[in-house]
Amino acid sequence: MNKPLMMIIAVLIILIGFFGYRHYQDNKFKEDFRKSIQSVPEKMRTSNTILPPQMAKFIKLDILVNYPNIVYYIDVKEFKEKTLPSDAKAVFNQDEGMVCKSFFSAIQNLMISGSKHEQKLFLELIKTENIRADLKLRNAFGENLYTESAILAQCPEYTNAIYTMNNN
């Protein structure tokens, strides 16, 4: 074999190895993210740090993950009414977008500590997999008092995260 052909083959092998490894790393990051989202309910069961003990007497918090759908259940144990009092409704209506705010504040450390490439992969994953989060506030009988849904890629916080990532 002649020398130029050997050089071309060597360069091709190096390029394929480099880009193949990068693709492998990207897929591994995405798979690790999926697994970490799916393991949240188990982490909640084994850790009592989600709610302070004085709140845990009155509120039960559960998360159901059926990836890419995430449902937060907040059960108010002692509340037996079928509707929220008007002042509580006003708080929920005023703080619309609670699902988006809580999700993006929970992942803020990941966004800050991750590399720019990881941030891009994370935000891309939220968009391409159409991750959806629901919040359901329920009374003692499990009846819905308040519900809110959001596709995370449509949240203003998602747009802010993209803008921040692109301008840093």
N, C-alpha and C. Protein backbone atom coordinates (compact mmCIF):
# COMPACT_ATOMS: atom_id res chain seq x y z
N MET A 1 0.85 -1.19 0.00
CA MET A 1 0.00 0.00 0.00
C MET A 1 0.88 1.23 0.00
N ASN A 2 0.38 2.26 -0.64
CA ASN A 2 1.20 3.48 -0.67
C ASN A 2 0.96 4.32 0.58
N LYS A 3 1.92 5.17 0.84
CA LYS A 3 1.95 5.96 2.07
C LYS A 3 0.78 6.96 2.19
N PRO A 4 0.40 7.71 1.13
CA PRO A 4 -0.73 8.66 1.26
C PRO A 4 -2.05 7.96 1.61
N LEU A 5 -2.27 6.79 1.04
CA LEU A 5 -3.50 6.06 1.33
C LEU A 5 -3.53 5.63 2.80
N MET A 6 -2.39 5.20 3.32
CA MET A 6 -2.29 4.82 4.73
C MET A 6 -2.57 6.01 5.64
N MET A 7 -2.08 7.18 5.27
CA MET A 7 -2.31 8.40 6.06
C MET A 7 -3.79 8.76 6.07
N ILE A 8 -4.43 8.66 4.91
CA ILE A 8 -5.86 8.98 4.82
C ILE A 8 -6.66 8.01 5.69
N ILE A 9 -6.34 6.74 5.63
CA ILE A 9 -7.04 5.74 6.43
C ILE A 9 -6.83 6.02 7.93
N ALA A 10 -5.61 6.35 8.32
CA ALA A 10 -5.31 6.65 9.72
C ALA A 10 -6.09 7.86 10.20
N VAL A 11 -6.14 8.91 9.38
CA VAL A 11 -6.88 10.13 9.74
C VAL A 11 -8.37 9.81 9.86
N LEU A 12 -8.90 9.02 8.94
CA LEU A 12 -10.32 8.64 9.00
C LEU A 12 -10.63 7.85 10.28
N ILE A 13 -9.75 6.93 10.63
CA ILE A 13 -9.96 6.14 11.85
C ILE A 13 -9.96 7.04 13.08
N ILE A 14 -9.03 7.98 13.13
CA ILE A 14 -8.96 8.92 14.26
C ILE A 14 -10.22 9.78 14.32
N LEU A 15 -10.66 10.30 13.18
CA LEU A 15 -11.87 11.14 13.16
C LEU A 15 -13.11 10.35 13.57
N ILE A 16 -13.24 9.14 13.05
CA ILE A 16 -14.39 8.31 13.41
C ILE A 16 -14.36 8.01 14.91
N GLY A 17 -13.18 7.69 15.43
CA GLY A 17 -13.04 7.44 16.86
C GLY A 17 -13.40 8.65 17.69
N PHE A 18 -12.93 9.82 17.29
CA PHE A 18 -13.20 11.05 18.04
C PHE A 18 -14.69 11.38 18.04
N PHE A 19 -15.29 11.43 16.85
CA PHE A 19 -16.71 11.80 16.77
C PHE A 19 -17.61 10.69 17.30
N GLY A 20 -17.21 9.45 17.12
CA GLY A 20 -17.98 8.33 17.67
C GLY A 20 -18.01 8.37 19.18
N TYR A 21 -16.85 8.67 19.78
CA TYR A 21 -16.78 8.75 21.24
C TYR A 21 -17.62 9.90 21.76
N ARG A 22 -17.59 11.03 21.05
CA ARG A 22 -18.40 12.20 21.45
C ARG A 22 -19.88 11.84 21.40
N HIS A 23 -20.29 11.15 20.34
CA HIS A 23 -21.69 10.72 20.20
C HIS A 23 -22.06 9.76 21.34
N TYR A 24 -21.14 8.84 21.66
CA TYR A 24 -21.36 7.90 22.76
C TYR A 24 -21.53 8.66 24.08
N GLN A 25 -20.67 9.65 24.34
CA GLN A 25 -20.75 10.44 25.57
C GLN A 25 -22.08 11.20 25.64
N ASP A 26 -22.51 11.78 24.52
CA ASP A 26 -23.78 12.50 24.49
C ASP A 26 -24.94 11.57 24.82
N ASN A 27 -24.94 10.40 24.21
CA ASN A 27 -26.02 9.44 24.48
C ASN A 27 -25.98 8.96 25.92
N LYS A 28 -24.80 8.77 26.47
CA LYS A 28 -24.66 8.36 27.87
C LYS A 28 -25.20 9.45 28.80
N PHE A 29 -24.90 10.71 28.51
CA PHE A 29 -25.41 11.82 29.32
C PHE A 29 -26.94 11.82 29.30
N LYS A 30 -27.52 11.65 28.12
CA LYS A 30 -28.98 11.66 27.99
C LYS A 30 -29.59 10.47 28.75
N GLU A 31 -28.98 9.31 28.63
CA GLU A 31 -29.50 8.13 29.33
C GLU A 31 -29.38 8.30 30.85
N ASP A 32 -28.27 8.87 31.31
CA ASP A 32 -28.10 9.14 32.75
C ASP A 32 -29.16 10.12 33.24
N PHE A 33 -29.47 11.13 32.43
CA PHE A 33 -30.51 12.10 32.79
C PHE A 33 -31.86 11.39 32.94
N ARG A 34 -32.20 10.55 31.96
CA ARG A 34 -33.48 9.83 32.03
C ARG A 34 -33.55 8.97 33.29
N LYS A 35 -32.47 8.27 33.58
CA LYS A 35 -32.44 7.41 34.77
C LYS A 35 -32.56 8.23 36.05
N SER A 36 -31.91 9.39 36.08
CA SER A 36 -31.99 10.21 37.30
C SER A 36 -33.40 10.75 37.50
N ILE A 37 -34.08 11.12 36.42
CA ILE A 37 -35.48 11.58 36.53
C ILE A 37 -36.36 10.43 37.02
N GLN A 38 -36.16 9.24 36.46
CA GLN A 38 -36.99 8.11 36.84
C GLN A 38 -36.72 7.63 38.26
N SER A 39 -35.55 7.93 38.81
CA SER A 39 -35.24 7.48 40.16
C SER A 39 -35.66 8.47 41.25
N VAL A 40 -36.20 9.61 40.87
CA VAL A 40 -36.61 10.62 41.86
C VAL A 40 -37.61 10.06 42.88
N PRO A 41 -38.67 9.35 42.45
CA PRO A 41 -39.61 8.84 43.47
C PRO A 41 -38.94 7.91 44.48
N GLU A 42 -38.02 7.07 44.03
CA GLU A 42 -37.32 6.15 44.94
C GLU A 42 -36.44 6.93 45.92
N LYS A 43 -35.76 7.96 45.42
CA LYS A 43 -34.93 8.79 46.29
C LYS A 43 -35.79 9.48 47.35
N MET A 44 -37.01 9.87 46.96
CA MET A 44 -37.91 10.52 47.92
C MET A 44 -38.31 9.55 49.03
N ARG A 45 -38.55 8.29 48.67
CA ARG A 45 -38.97 7.31 49.67
C ARG A 45 -37.85 7.01 50.67
N THR A 46 -36.61 7.03 50.20
CA THR A 46 -35.50 6.68 51.08
C THR A 46 -34.92 7.88 51.81
N SER A 47 -35.40 9.08 51.47
CA SER A 47 -34.88 10.30 52.10
C SER A 47 -36.03 11.07 52.70
N ASN A 48 -35.86 11.52 53.93
CA ASN A 48 -36.90 12.30 54.59
C ASN A 48 -36.62 13.80 54.51
N THR A 49 -35.81 14.22 53.57
CA THR A 49 -35.41 15.62 53.51
C THR A 49 -36.29 16.45 52.59
N ILE A 50 -37.28 15.85 51.96
CA ILE A 50 -38.12 16.59 51.02
C ILE A 50 -38.96 17.63 51.75
N LEU A 51 -39.65 17.22 52.78
CA LEU A 51 -40.49 18.15 53.56
C LEU A 51 -40.01 18.17 55.00
N PRO A 52 -40.00 19.34 55.61
CA PRO A 52 -39.67 19.40 57.04
C PRO A 52 -40.73 18.62 57.83
N PRO A 53 -40.36 18.04 58.97
CA PRO A 53 -41.29 17.21 59.74
C PRO A 53 -42.60 17.92 60.10
N GLN A 54 -42.53 19.22 60.42
CA GLN A 54 -43.77 19.91 60.79
C GLN A 54 -44.72 20.04 59.59
N MET A 55 -44.18 20.10 58.37
CA MET A 55 -45.05 20.15 57.18
C MET A 55 -45.53 18.76 56.81
N ALA A 56 -44.69 17.75 57.04
CA ALA A 56 -45.04 16.38 56.66
C ALA A 56 -46.26 15.87 57.42
N LYS A 57 -46.58 16.48 58.56
CA LYS A 57 -47.78 16.10 59.30
C LYS A 57 -49.04 16.43 58.51
N PHE A 58 -48.97 17.48 57.71
CA PHE A 58 -50.16 17.98 57.02
C PHE A 58 -50.14 17.75 55.51
N ILE A 59 -48.95 17.56 54.96
CA ILE A 59 -48.83 17.46 53.51
C ILE A 59 -48.07 16.20 53.14
N LYS A 60 -48.57 15.51 52.14
CA LYS A 60 -47.86 14.35 51.59
C LYS A 60 -47.48 14.69 50.16
N LEU A 61 -46.23 14.50 49.82
CA LEU A 61 -45.73 14.81 48.49
C LEU A 61 -45.32 13.52 47.80
N ASP A 62 -45.86 13.29 46.61
CA ASP A 62 -45.49 12.13 45.80
C ASP A 62 -45.15 12.60 44.40
N ILE A 63 -44.25 11.88 43.78
CA ILE A 63 -43.92 12.16 42.38
C ILE A 63 -44.06 10.86 41.61
N LEU A 64 -44.82 10.91 40.54
CA LEU A 64 -44.99 9.77 39.65
C LEU A 64 -44.26 10.11 38.36
N VAL A 65 -43.31 9.27 37.99
CA VAL A 65 -42.57 9.50 36.76
C VAL A 65 -42.90 8.38 35.78
N ASN A 66 -43.55 8.75 34.71
CA ASN A 66 -43.80 7.87 33.58
C ASN A 66 -43.15 8.59 32.41
N TYR A 67 -41.83 8.51 32.35
CA TYR A 67 -41.02 9.35 31.46
C TYR A 67 -41.59 9.33 30.05
N PRO A 68 -41.80 10.46 29.44
CA PRO A 68 -41.39 11.82 29.75
C PRO A 68 -42.42 12.64 30.53
N ASN A 69 -43.36 11.98 31.18
CA ASN A 69 -44.36 12.70 31.98
C ASN A 69 -44.00 12.60 33.46
N ILE A 70 -44.05 13.74 34.14
CA ILE A 70 -43.75 13.81 35.57
C ILE A 70 -44.97 14.43 36.25
N VAL A 71 -45.51 13.74 37.25
CA VAL A 71 -46.69 14.26 37.96
C VAL A 71 -46.33 14.43 39.43
N TYR A 72 -46.51 15.65 39.94
CA TYR A 72 -46.29 15.97 41.35
C TYR A 72 -47.66 15.96 42.03
N TYR A 73 -47.82 15.11 43.03
CA TYR A 73 -49.05 15.07 43.82
C TYR A 73 -48.76 15.69 45.17
N ILE A 74 -49.54 16.69 45.52
CA ILE A 74 -49.45 17.30 46.85
C ILE A 74 -50.79 17.05 47.52
N ASP A 75 -50.78 16.17 48.51
CA ASP A 75 -52.01 15.83 49.23
C ASP A 75 -52.02 16.58 50.55
N VAL A 76 -53.08 17.36 50.77
CA VAL A 76 -53.26 18.07 52.03
C VAL A 76 -54.10 17.14 52.90
N LYS A 77 -53.46 16.50 53.86
CA LYS A 77 -54.07 15.41 54.63
C LYS A 77 -55.32 15.80 55.40
N GLU A 78 -55.34 16.98 55.98
CA GLU A 78 -56.44 17.38 56.85
C GLU A 78 -57.53 18.17 56.13
N PHE A 79 -57.31 18.53 54.88
CA PHE A 79 -58.27 19.38 54.17
C PHE A 79 -59.33 18.50 53.53
N LYS A 80 -60.59 18.68 53.95
CA LYS A 80 -61.67 17.81 53.48
C LYS A 80 -62.66 18.52 52.55
N GLU A 81 -62.46 19.80 52.32
CA GLU A 81 -63.36 20.55 51.43
C GLU A 81 -63.13 20.12 49.98
N LYS A 82 -64.13 20.43 49.13
CA LYS A 82 -64.02 20.05 47.72
C LYS A 82 -63.44 21.16 46.85
N THR A 83 -63.36 22.37 47.39
CA THR A 83 -62.76 23.48 46.65
C THR A 83 -61.82 24.24 47.57
N LEU A 84 -60.89 24.92 46.95
CA LEU A 84 -59.95 25.74 47.72
C LEU A 84 -60.63 27.00 48.23
N PRO A 85 -60.26 27.49 49.39
CA PRO A 85 -60.77 28.79 49.84
C PRO A 85 -60.32 29.88 48.86
N SER A 86 -61.07 30.96 48.79
CA SER A 86 -60.79 32.00 47.79
C SER A 86 -59.40 32.61 47.94
N ASP A 87 -58.90 32.76 49.18
CA ASP A 87 -57.56 33.32 49.34
C ASP A 87 -56.48 32.37 48.82
N ALA A 88 -56.69 31.06 48.99
CA ALA A 88 -55.74 30.08 48.46
C ALA A 88 -55.79 30.05 46.93
N LYS A 89 -57.01 30.16 46.37
CA LYS A 89 -57.14 30.23 44.91
C LYS A 89 -56.40 31.43 44.36
N ALA A 90 -56.51 32.54 45.07
CA ALA A 90 -55.84 33.76 44.62
C ALA A 90 -54.33 33.57 44.59
N VAL A 91 -53.79 32.87 45.58
CA VAL A 91 -52.34 32.61 45.62
C VAL A 91 -51.93 31.75 44.42
N PHE A 92 -52.69 30.69 44.14
CA PHE A 92 -52.36 29.82 43.01
C PHE A 92 -52.51 30.55 41.68
N ASN A 93 -53.57 31.35 41.55
CA ASN A 93 -53.77 32.08 40.30
C ASN A 93 -52.70 33.15 40.10
N GLN A 94 -52.28 33.76 41.19
CA GLN A 94 -51.24 34.79 41.11
C GLN A 94 -49.89 34.17 40.75
N ASP A 95 -49.65 32.97 41.24
CA ASP A 95 -48.36 32.31 41.02
C ASP A 95 -48.46 31.28 39.90
N GLU A 96 -49.20 31.63 38.84
CA GLU A 96 -49.35 30.73 37.70
C GLU A 96 -47.97 30.41 37.12
N GLY A 97 -47.82 29.20 36.66
CA GLY A 97 -46.52 28.79 36.15
C GLY A 97 -45.67 28.13 37.23
N MET A 98 -46.35 27.65 38.28
CA MET A 98 -45.66 27.04 39.40
C MET A 98 -44.87 25.80 38.97
N VAL A 99 -45.41 25.03 38.04
CA VAL A 99 -44.73 23.83 37.56
C VAL A 99 -43.40 24.20 36.93
N CYS A 100 -43.43 25.18 36.04
CA CYS A 100 -42.20 25.61 35.37
C CYS A 100 -41.19 26.14 36.37
N LYS A 101 -41.65 27.01 37.25
CA LYS A 101 -40.74 27.62 38.23
C LYS A 101 -40.10 26.57 39.12
N SER A 102 -40.90 25.64 39.62
CA SER A 102 -40.35 24.64 40.54
C SER A 102 -39.39 23.69 39.83
N PHE A 103 -39.71 23.28 38.61
CA PHE A 103 -38.82 22.36 37.89
C PHE A 103 -37.48 23.03 37.59
N PHE A 104 -37.54 24.24 37.03
CA PHE A 104 -36.29 24.89 36.64
C PHE A 104 -35.49 25.38 37.84
N SER A 105 -36.15 25.68 38.96
CA SER A 105 -35.36 26.03 40.14
C SER A 105 -34.70 24.78 40.71
N ALA A 106 -35.36 23.63 40.58
CA ALA A 106 -34.78 22.37 41.08
C ALA A 106 -33.56 21.95 40.27
N ILE A 107 -33.53 22.26 38.99
CA ILE A 107 -32.40 21.84 38.16
C ILE A 107 -31.37 22.95 37.95
N GLN A 108 -31.54 24.05 38.64
CA GLN A 108 -30.64 25.18 38.45
C GLN A 108 -29.18 24.82 38.76
N ASN A 109 -28.95 24.02 39.79
CA ASN A 109 -27.57 23.62 40.12
C ASN A 109 -26.94 22.82 38.99
N LEU A 110 -27.74 21.96 38.36
CA LEU A 110 -27.23 21.19 37.22
C LEU A 110 -26.83 22.13 36.09
N MET A 111 -27.66 23.13 35.86
CA MET A 111 -27.37 24.07 34.77
C MET A 111 -26.12 24.89 35.08
N ILE A 112 -25.92 25.26 36.33
CA ILE A 112 -24.76 26.08 36.70
C ILE A 112 -23.48 25.24 36.70
N SER A 113 -23.57 24.03 37.25
CA SER A 113 -22.36 23.21 37.41
C SER A 113 -21.95 22.48 36.13
N GLY A 114 -22.90 22.27 35.22
CA GLY A 114 -22.58 21.54 34.00
C GLY A 114 -21.81 22.38 33.00
N SER A 115 -21.11 21.69 32.12
CA SER A 115 -20.41 22.40 31.04
C SER A 115 -21.44 22.97 30.08
N LYS A 116 -21.00 23.86 29.23
CA LYS A 116 -21.90 24.45 28.24
C LYS A 116 -22.49 23.36 27.34
N HIS A 117 -21.66 22.39 27.00
CA HIS A 117 -22.13 21.28 26.16
C HIS A 117 -23.20 20.47 26.88
N GLU A 118 -23.01 20.19 28.18
CA GLU A 118 -24.01 19.45 28.95
C GLU A 118 -25.30 20.26 29.09
N GLN A 119 -25.18 21.56 29.28
CA GLN A 119 -26.37 22.42 29.35
C GLN A 119 -27.14 22.33 28.05
N LYS A 120 -26.43 22.38 26.94
CA LYS A 120 -27.07 22.31 25.62
C LYS A 120 -27.78 20.97 25.45
N LEU A 121 -27.11 19.88 25.82
CA LEU A 121 -27.72 18.55 25.73
C LEU A 121 -28.97 18.45 26.60
N PHE A 122 -28.89 18.99 27.80
CA PHE A 122 -30.00 18.94 28.74
C PHE A 122 -31.21 19.69 28.17
N LEU A 123 -30.99 20.91 27.69
CA LEU A 123 -32.09 21.70 27.15
C LEU A 123 -32.64 21.08 25.86
N GLU A 124 -31.76 20.50 25.08
CA GLU A 124 -32.17 19.81 23.85
C GLU A 124 -33.05 18.60 24.20
N LEU A 125 -32.68 17.89 25.25
CA LEU A 125 -33.43 16.73 25.69
C LEU A 125 -34.83 17.12 26.15
N ILE A 126 -34.93 18.22 26.88
CA ILE A 126 -36.24 18.70 27.34
C ILE A 126 -37.15 18.97 26.14
N LYS A 127 -36.57 19.55 25.09
CA LYS A 127 -37.36 19.91 23.92
C LYS A 127 -37.69 18.69 23.06
N THR A 128 -36.69 17.88 22.73
CA THR A 128 -36.92 16.78 21.80
C THR A 128 -37.78 15.67 22.40
N GLU A 129 -37.67 15.47 23.71
CA GLU A 129 -38.45 14.40 24.33
C GLU A 129 -39.80 14.90 24.86
N ASN A 130 -40.05 16.19 24.66
CA ASN A 130 -41.35 16.76 25.01
C ASN A 130 -41.73 16.45 26.46
N ILE A 131 -40.80 16.74 27.37
CA ILE A 131 -41.03 16.43 28.79
C ILE A 131 -42.14 17.33 29.33
N ARG A 132 -43.06 16.70 30.03
CA ARG A 132 -44.24 17.39 30.55
C ARG A 132 -44.29 17.19 32.06
N ALA A 133 -44.67 18.23 32.77
CA ALA A 133 -44.82 18.14 34.22
C ALA A 133 -46.23 18.60 34.61
N ASP A 134 -46.82 17.88 35.54
CA ASP A 134 -48.15 18.21 36.05
C ASP A 134 -48.07 18.36 37.56
N LEU A 135 -48.85 19.29 38.08
CA LEU A 135 -48.97 19.50 39.52
C LEU A 135 -50.42 19.27 39.89
N LYS A 136 -50.66 18.43 40.89
CA LYS A 136 -52.02 18.17 41.34
C LYS A 136 -52.07 18.35 42.85
N LEU A 137 -52.83 19.34 43.28
CA LEU A 137 -53.07 19.57 44.70
C LEU A 137 -54.38 18.88 45.02
N ARG A 138 -54.35 17.98 46.01
CA ARG A 138 -55.54 17.18 46.32
C ARG A 138 -55.92 17.30 47.79
N ASN A 139 -57.20 17.08 48.05
CA ASN A 139 -57.68 17.11 49.44
C ASN A 139 -57.46 15.74 50.09
N ALA A 140 -57.97 15.56 51.29
CA ALA A 140 -57.77 14.33 52.05
C ALA A 140 -58.38 13.11 51.36
N PHE A 141 -59.34 13.32 50.47
CA PHE A 141 -60.01 12.22 49.78
C PHE A 141 -59.39 11.94 48.41
N GLY A 142 -58.35 12.67 48.05
CA GLY A 142 -57.70 12.47 46.76
C GLY A 142 -58.37 13.21 45.61
N GLU A 143 -59.30 14.11 45.93
CA GLU A 143 -59.97 14.89 44.88
C GLU A 143 -59.11 16.10 44.52
N ASN A 144 -59.03 16.39 43.24
CA ASN A 144 -58.21 17.52 42.78
C ASN A 144 -58.80 18.85 43.22
N LEU A 145 -57.96 19.67 43.83
CA LEU A 145 -58.34 21.03 44.21
C LEU A 145 -57.75 22.04 43.22
N TYR A 146 -56.59 21.70 42.70
CA TYR A 146 -55.90 22.58 41.76
C TYR A 146 -55.00 21.71 40.89
N THR A 147 -55.02 21.97 39.60
CA THR A 147 -54.13 21.25 38.69
C THR A 147 -53.46 22.25 37.76
N GLU A 148 -52.26 21.92 37.39
CA GLU A 148 -51.51 22.75 36.44
C GLU A 148 -50.62 21.82 35.63
N SER A 149 -50.53 22.08 34.34
CA SER A 149 -49.70 21.27 33.44
C SER A 149 -48.81 22.19 32.63
N ALA A 150 -47.65 21.66 32.26
CA ALA A 150 -46.75 22.44 31.41
C ALA A 150 -45.85 21.50 30.62
N ILE A 151 -45.69 21.82 29.35
CA ILE A 151 -44.64 21.20 28.55
C ILE A 151 -43.42 22.06 28.80
N LEU A 152 -42.38 21.47 29.36
CA LEU A 152 -41.25 22.25 29.88
C LEU A 152 -40.55 23.09 28.82
N ALA A 153 -40.56 22.65 27.57
CA ALA A 153 -39.91 23.43 26.51
C ALA A 153 -40.70 24.69 26.17
N GLN A 154 -41.93 24.79 26.67
CA GLN A 154 -42.75 25.98 26.41
C GLN A 154 -42.75 26.94 27.59
N CYS A 155 -42.01 26.62 28.63
CA CYS A 155 -41.94 27.49 29.81
C CYS A 155 -41.06 28.71 29.54
N PRO A 156 -41.40 29.85 30.12
CA PRO A 156 -40.53 31.03 29.98
C PRO A 156 -39.14 30.77 30.57
N GLU A 157 -39.06 29.94 31.60
CA GLU A 157 -37.77 29.61 32.21
C GLU A 157 -36.88 28.84 31.24
N TYR A 158 -37.49 28.03 30.38
CA TYR A 158 -36.73 27.31 29.35
C TYR A 158 -36.11 28.30 28.38
N THR A 159 -36.91 29.26 27.94
CA THR A 159 -36.41 30.30 27.03
C THR A 159 -35.29 31.09 27.70
N ASN A 160 -35.46 31.42 28.97
CA ASN A 160 -34.42 32.14 29.71
C ASN A 160 -33.14 31.31 29.81
N ALA A 161 -33.28 30.01 30.03
CA ALA A 161 -32.10 29.14 30.14
C ALA A 161 -31.35 29.09 28.80
N ILE A 162 -32.09 29.01 27.71
CA ILE A 162 -31.46 29.01 26.37
C ILE A 162 -30.74 30.34 26.15
N TYR A 163 -31.40 31.43 26.47
CA TYR A 163 -30.81 32.76 26.28
C TYR A 163 -29.54 32.90 27.11
N THR A 164 -29.62 32.50 28.38
CA THR A 164 -28.46 32.60 29.27
C THR A 164 -27.30 31.75 28.76
N MET A 165 -27.61 30.53 28.32
CA MET A 165 -26.57 29.64 27.83
C MET A 165 -25.89 30.23 26.59
N ASN A 166 -26.67 30.80 25.70
CA ASN A 166 -26.11 31.34 24.45
C ASN A 166 -25.34 32.63 24.66
N ASN A 167 -25.60 33.34 25.75
CA ASN A 167 -24.94 34.63 25.97
C ASN A 167 -23.85 34.57 27.03
N ASN A 168 -23.46 33.39 27.44
CA ASN A 168 -22.34 33.25 28.40
C ASN A 168 -21.13 32.72 27.70
